[in-house]
Amino acid sequence: MSRVAVGGTFNPLHDGHRALLTRAHQLSSGGELLIGITSNEMAGKKYHEVEDWEARRQEVMAFMQDTFGIRPLTVRLDDPFGPTIYEDFDYLVVSPETEPTAHLINTRRAEQGKQPINIELVEYVLAGDGRPISSTRVLRGEIDIHGNLLQHR
């Protein structure tokens, strides 16, 4: 039984996010899964509008409940690290975009004499055009949450 952490803004919740959450669930194998969701303040630094924290949390929880029948622990992230700096986890599930932060987390942990967390990289899920699905692309209307290209008229 593993203790697994994954984090993100999750807005809108797209197939790339679903891949991250699915891998985190697999690795937790009945253990503990902690999902960090960026605070409104942190999410406000994005290049696009982001829904309120509670709305994003509810969407993530609905996906986890509907897909896996679980209600994992969620925390609000006020910084890129959350509890991973001071709490022990077996795995940290990341995308290529967040992988550098995972290495920084392990550097901070080493400075405190803590063991590193195993980093589990989940590659980008690609849209129909072969480019990564991203919230920015969905919100721009280029693709839907599944990566299907949207027709512009």
C-alpha atoms as a PDB file:
ATOM      1  CA  MET A   1       0.000   0.000   0.000  1.00  0.00           C
ATOM      2  CA  SER A   2       1.546   3.231  -1.170  1.00  0.00           C
ATOM      3  CA  ARG A   3       1.104   6.859  -0.259  1.00  0.00           C
ATOM      4  CA  VAL A   4       0.808   8.882  -3.457  1.00  0.00           C
ATOM      5  CA  ALA A   5       0.606  12.623  -4.165  1.00  0.00           C
ATOM      6  CA  VAL A   6      -0.478  14.403  -7.331  1.00  0.00           C
ATOM      7  CA  GLY A   7      -1.230  18.069  -7.842  1.00  0.00           C
ATOM      8  CA  GLY A   8      -2.570  20.525 -10.353  1.00  0.00           C
ATOM      9  CA  THR A   9      -5.045  23.231 -11.190  1.00  0.00           C
ATOM     10  CA  PHE A  10      -7.398  20.799 -12.956  1.00  0.00           C
ATOM     11  CA  ASN A  11      -9.385  23.406 -14.880  1.00  0.00           C
ATOM     12  CA  PRO A  12     -10.968  22.402 -17.084  1.00  0.00           C
ATOM     13  CA  LEU A  13     -10.528  18.737 -16.188  1.00  0.00           C
ATOM     14  CA  HIS A  14      -9.297  17.152 -19.446  1.00  0.00           C
ATOM     15  CA  ASP A  15      -7.980  13.757 -20.556  1.00  0.00           C
ATOM     16  CA  GLY A  16      -4.414  14.703 -19.608  1.00  0.00           C
ATOM     17  CA  HIS A  17      -5.559  15.352 -16.043  1.00  0.00           C
ATOM     18  CA  ARG A  18      -7.547  12.118 -16.097  1.00  0.00           C
ATOM     19  CA  ALA A  19      -4.379  10.213 -17.100  1.00  0.00           C
ATOM     20  CA  LEU A  20      -2.483  11.754 -14.148  1.00  0.00           C
ATOM     21  CA  LEU A  21      -5.256  10.969 -11.684  1.00  0.00           C
ATOM     22  CA  THR A  22      -5.643   7.438 -13.050  1.00  0.00           C
ATOM     23  CA  ARG A  23      -1.921   6.705 -12.655  1.00  0.00           C
ATOM     24  CA  ALA A  24      -1.942   8.165  -9.138  1.00  0.00           C
ATOM     25  CA  HIS A  25      -4.883   5.905  -8.248  1.00  0.00           C
ATOM     26  CA  GLN A  26      -3.091   2.850  -9.694  1.00  0.00           C
ATOM     27  CA  LEU A  27       0.069   3.549  -7.695  1.00  0.00           C
ATOM     28  CA  SER A  28      -1.840   4.121  -4.463  1.00  0.00           C
ATOM     29  CA  SER A  29      -3.211   0.549  -4.794  1.00  0.00           C
ATOM     30  CA  GLY A  30      -5.604   0.861  -1.889  1.00  0.00           C
ATOM     31  CA  GLY A  31      -3.187   2.997   0.086  1.00  0.00           C
ATOM     32  CA  GLU A  32      -3.515   6.763   0.448  1.00  0.00           C
ATOM     33  CA  LEU A  33      -3.987   9.179  -2.426  1.00  0.00           C
ATOM     34  CA  LEU A  34      -3.587  12.897  -1.795  1.00  0.00           C
ATOM     35  CA  ILE A  35      -4.644  15.311  -4.530  1.00  0.00           C
ATOM     36  CA  GLY A  36      -3.348  18.859  -4.238  1.00  0.00           C
ATOM     37  CA  ILE A  37      -5.424  21.468  -6.045  1.00  0.00           C
ATOM     38  CA  THR A  38      -3.919  24.900  -6.579  1.00  0.00           C
ATOM     39  CA  SER A  39      -5.505  27.694  -4.584  1.00  0.00           C
ATOM     40  CA  ASN A  40      -7.433  30.461  -6.292  1.00  0.00           C
ATOM     41  CA  GLU A  41      -4.482  32.767  -5.647  1.00  0.00           C
ATOM     42  CA  MET A  42      -1.971  30.416  -7.271  1.00  0.00           C
ATOM     43  CA  ALA A  43      -4.336  29.589 -10.130  1.00  0.00           C
ATOM     44  CA  GLY A  44      -4.832  33.321 -10.725  1.00  0.00           C
ATOM     45  CA  LYS A  45      -1.293  33.426 -12.098  1.00  0.00           C
ATOM     46  CA  LYS A  46      -2.355  31.246 -15.045  1.00  0.00           C
ATOM     47  CA  TYR A  47      -2.783  32.622 -18.553  1.00  0.00           C
ATOM     48  CA  HIS A  48      -6.526  32.036 -18.462  1.00  0.00           C
ATOM     49  CA  GLU A  49      -9.503  32.305 -16.133  1.00  0.00           C
ATOM     50  CA  VAL A  50      -9.811  29.500 -13.599  1.00  0.00           C
ATOM     51  CA  GLU A  51     -12.899  28.318 -11.734  1.00  0.00           C
ATOM     52  CA  ASP A  52     -13.148  28.645  -7.964  1.00  0.00           C
ATOM     53  CA  TRP A  53     -11.157  26.100  -5.889  1.00  0.00           C
ATOM     54  CA  GLU A  54     -14.229  24.352  -4.513  1.00  0.00           C
ATOM     55  CA  ALA A  55     -15.745  23.924  -7.988  1.00  0.00           C
ATOM     56  CA  ARG A  56     -12.460  22.436  -9.257  1.00  0.00           C
ATOM     57  CA  ARG A  57     -12.253  20.171  -6.205  1.00  0.00           C
ATOM     58  CA  GLN A  58     -15.811  18.941  -6.724  1.00  0.00           C
ATOM     59  CA  GLU A  59     -15.080  18.115 -10.374  1.00  0.00           C
ATOM     60  CA  VAL A  60     -11.944  16.133  -9.433  1.00  0.00           C
ATOM     61  CA  MET A  61     -13.819  14.318  -6.654  1.00  0.00           C
ATOM     62  CA  ALA A  62     -16.707  13.467  -8.988  1.00  0.00           C
ATOM     63  CA  PHE A  63     -14.249  11.981 -11.499  1.00  0.00           C
ATOM     64  CA  MET A  64     -12.512   9.899  -8.794  1.00  0.00           C
ATOM     65  CA  GLN A  65     -15.826   8.717  -7.335  1.00  0.00           C
ATOM     66  CA  ASP A  66     -17.442   7.915 -10.695  1.00  0.00           C
ATOM     67  CA  THR A  67     -14.338   6.246 -12.160  1.00  0.00           C
ATOM     68  CA  PHE A  68     -12.770   4.446  -9.195  1.00  0.00           C
ATOM     69  CA  GLY A  69     -15.379   4.573  -6.436  1.00  0.00           C
ATOM     70  CA  ILE A  70     -13.052   6.462  -4.086  1.00  0.00           C
ATOM     71  CA  ARG A  71     -13.006   9.817  -2.344  1.00  0.00           C
ATOM     72  CA  PRO A  72      -9.324  10.715  -1.945  1.00  0.00           C
ATOM     73  CA  LEU A  73      -7.986  13.348   0.400  1.00  0.00           C
ATOM     74  CA  THR A  74      -7.679  16.778  -1.208  1.00  0.00           C
ATOM     75  CA  VAL A  75      -5.657  19.747  -0.035  1.00  0.00           C
ATOM     76  CA  ARG A  76      -5.382  23.340  -1.214  1.00  0.00           C
ATOM     77  CA  LEU A  77      -1.961  24.171  -2.629  1.00  0.00           C
ATOM     78  CA  ASP A  78      -0.780  27.666  -1.774  1.00  0.00           C
ATOM     79  CA  ASP A  79       2.673  26.937  -3.214  1.00  0.00           C
ATOM     80  CA  PRO A  80       4.039  24.441  -5.764  1.00  0.00           C
ATOM     81  CA  PHE A  81       5.092  21.961  -3.062  1.00  0.00           C
ATOM     82  CA  GLY A  82       2.198  21.419  -0.664  1.00  0.00           C
ATOM     83  CA  PRO A  83       2.825  18.771   1.994  1.00  0.00           C
ATOM     84  CA  THR A  84       5.410  16.913  -0.138  1.00  0.00           C
ATOM     85  CA  ILE A  85       8.244  18.924   1.428  1.00  0.00           C
ATOM     86  CA  TYR A  86       7.590  17.750   4.983  1.00  0.00           C
ATOM     87  CA  GLU A  87       5.427  14.595   4.678  1.00  0.00           C
ATOM     88  CA  ASP A  88       6.596  11.252   3.319  1.00  0.00           C
ATOM     89  CA  PHE A  89       5.119   9.817   0.138  1.00  0.00           C
ATOM     90  CA  ASP A  90       6.076   6.793  -1.938  1.00  0.00           C
ATOM     91  CA  TYR A  91       5.252   8.440  -5.268  1.00  0.00           C
ATOM     92  CA  LEU A  92       4.768  11.888  -6.718  1.00  0.00           C
ATOM     93  CA  VAL A  93       2.843  11.701 -10.017  1.00  0.00           C
ATOM     94  CA  VAL A  94       3.749  14.457 -12.468  1.00  0.00           C
ATOM     95  CA  SER A  95       3.385  15.569 -16.073  1.00  0.00           C
ATOM     96  CA  PRO A  96       6.329  16.782 -18.170  1.00  0.00           C
ATOM     97  CA  GLU A  97       5.203  20.325 -17.230  1.00  0.00           C
ATOM     98  CA  THR A  98       5.423  19.682 -13.473  1.00  0.00           C
ATOM     99  CA  GLU A  99       8.411  17.296 -13.442  1.00  0.00           C
ATOM    100  CA  PRO A 100      10.952  20.080 -12.691  1.00  0.00           C
ATOM    101  CA  THR A 101       8.977  20.966  -9.542  1.00  0.00           C
ATOM    102  CA  ALA A 102       9.175  17.325  -8.425  1.00  0.00           C
ATOM    103  CA  HIS A 103      12.968  17.437  -8.654  1.00  0.00           C
ATOM    104  CA  LEU A 104      12.961  20.693  -6.673  1.00  0.00           C
ATOM    105  CA  ILE A 105      10.793  19.001  -4.026  1.00  0.00           C
ATOM    106  CA  ASN A 106      13.354  16.208  -3.696  1.00  0.00           C
ATOM    107  CA  THR A 107      16.166  18.769  -3.438  1.00  0.00           C
ATOM    108  CA  ARG A 108      14.316  20.516  -0.598  1.00  0.00           C
ATOM    109  CA  ARG A 109      13.676  17.155   1.070  1.00  0.00           C
ATOM    110  CA  ALA A 110      17.379  16.244   0.848  1.00  0.00           C
ATOM    111  CA  GLU A 111      18.272  19.562   2.509  1.00  0.00           C
ATOM    112  CA  GLN A 112      16.077  18.445   5.434  1.00  0.00           C
ATOM    113  CA  GLY A 113      17.624  14.965   5.536  1.00  0.00           C
ATOM    114  CA  LYS A 114      14.472  13.348   4.160  1.00  0.00           C
ATOM    115  CA  GLN A 115      14.322  10.500   1.664  1.00  0.00           C
ATOM    116  CA  PRO A 116      13.433  11.438  -1.915  1.00  0.00           C
ATOM    117  CA  ILE A 117       9.972  10.680  -3.293  1.00  0.00           C
ATOM    118  CA  ASN A 118       9.835   8.415  -6.358  1.00  0.00           C
ATOM    119  CA  ILE A 119       8.814  10.562  -9.324  1.00  0.00           C
ATOM    120  CA  GLU A 120       6.302   8.935 -11.669  1.00  0.00           C
ATOM    121  CA  LEU A 121       6.173  10.769 -14.996  1.00  0.00           C
ATOM    122  CA  VAL A 122       2.940  10.527 -16.984  1.00  0.00           C
ATOM    123  CA  GLU A 123       3.526  11.655 -20.543  1.00  0.00           C
ATOM    124  CA  TYR A 124       1.249  14.197 -22.160  1.00  0.00           C
ATOM    125  CA  VAL A 125      -1.978  12.929 -23.692  1.00  0.00           C
ATOM    126  CA  LEU A 126      -1.985  14.110 -27.272  1.00  0.00           C
ATOM    127  CA  ALA A 127      -4.819  15.824 -29.084  1.00  0.00           C
ATOM    128  CA  GLY A 128      -5.930  14.911 -32.587  1.00  0.00           C
ATOM    129  CA  ASP A 129      -3.238  17.169 -34.048  1.00  0.00           C
ATOM    130  CA  GLY A 130      -0.450  15.370 -32.174  1.00  0.00           C
ATOM    131  CA  ARG A 131       0.128  18.242 -29.748  1.00  0.00           C
ATOM    132  CA  PRO A 132      -0.487  17.917 -25.990  1.00  0.00           C
ATOM    133  CA  ILE A 133      -3.950  18.457 -24.569  1.00  0.00           C
ATOM    134  CA  SER A 134      -3.821  21.491 -22.280  1.00  0.00           C
ATOM    135  CA  SER A 135      -6.304  23.608 -20.396  1.00  0.00           C
ATOM    136  CA  THR A 136      -5.150  26.653 -22.353  1.00  0.00           C
ATOM    137  CA  ARG A 137      -5.911  24.943 -25.671  1.00  0.00           C
ATOM    138  CA  VAL A 138      -9.327  23.809 -24.434  1.00  0.00           C
ATOM    139  CA  LEU A 139     -10.214  27.298 -23.191  1.00  0.00           C
ATOM    140  CA  ARG A 140      -9.032  28.877 -26.459  1.00  0.00           C
ATOM    141  CA  GLY A 141     -11.510  26.625 -28.269  1.00  0.00           C
ATOM    142  CA  GLU A 142      -8.824  24.769 -30.249  1.00  0.00           C
ATOM    143  CA  ILE A 143      -9.758  21.352 -28.813  1.00  0.00           C
ATOM    144  CA  ASP A 144     -12.296  19.789 -26.484  1.00  0.00           C
ATOM    145  CA  ILE A 145     -11.388  18.114 -23.171  1.00  0.00           C
ATOM    146  CA  HIS A 146     -10.728  14.842 -25.026  1.00  0.00           C
ATOM    147  CA  GLY A 147      -8.340  16.431 -27.528  1.00  0.00           C
ATOM    148  CA  ASN A 148     -10.718  16.469 -30.480  1.00  0.00           C
ATOM    149  CA  LEU A 149      -9.994  19.371 -32.805  1.00  0.00           C
ATOM    150  CA  LEU A 150     -12.798  21.922 -32.929  1.00  0.00           C
ATOM    151  CA  GLN A 151     -13.874  23.403 -36.209  1.00  0.00           C
ATOM    152  CA  HIS A 152     -13.615  27.163 -36.495  1.00  0.00           C
ATOM    153  CA  ARG A 153     -16.064  28.934 -38.734  1.00  0.00           C
END
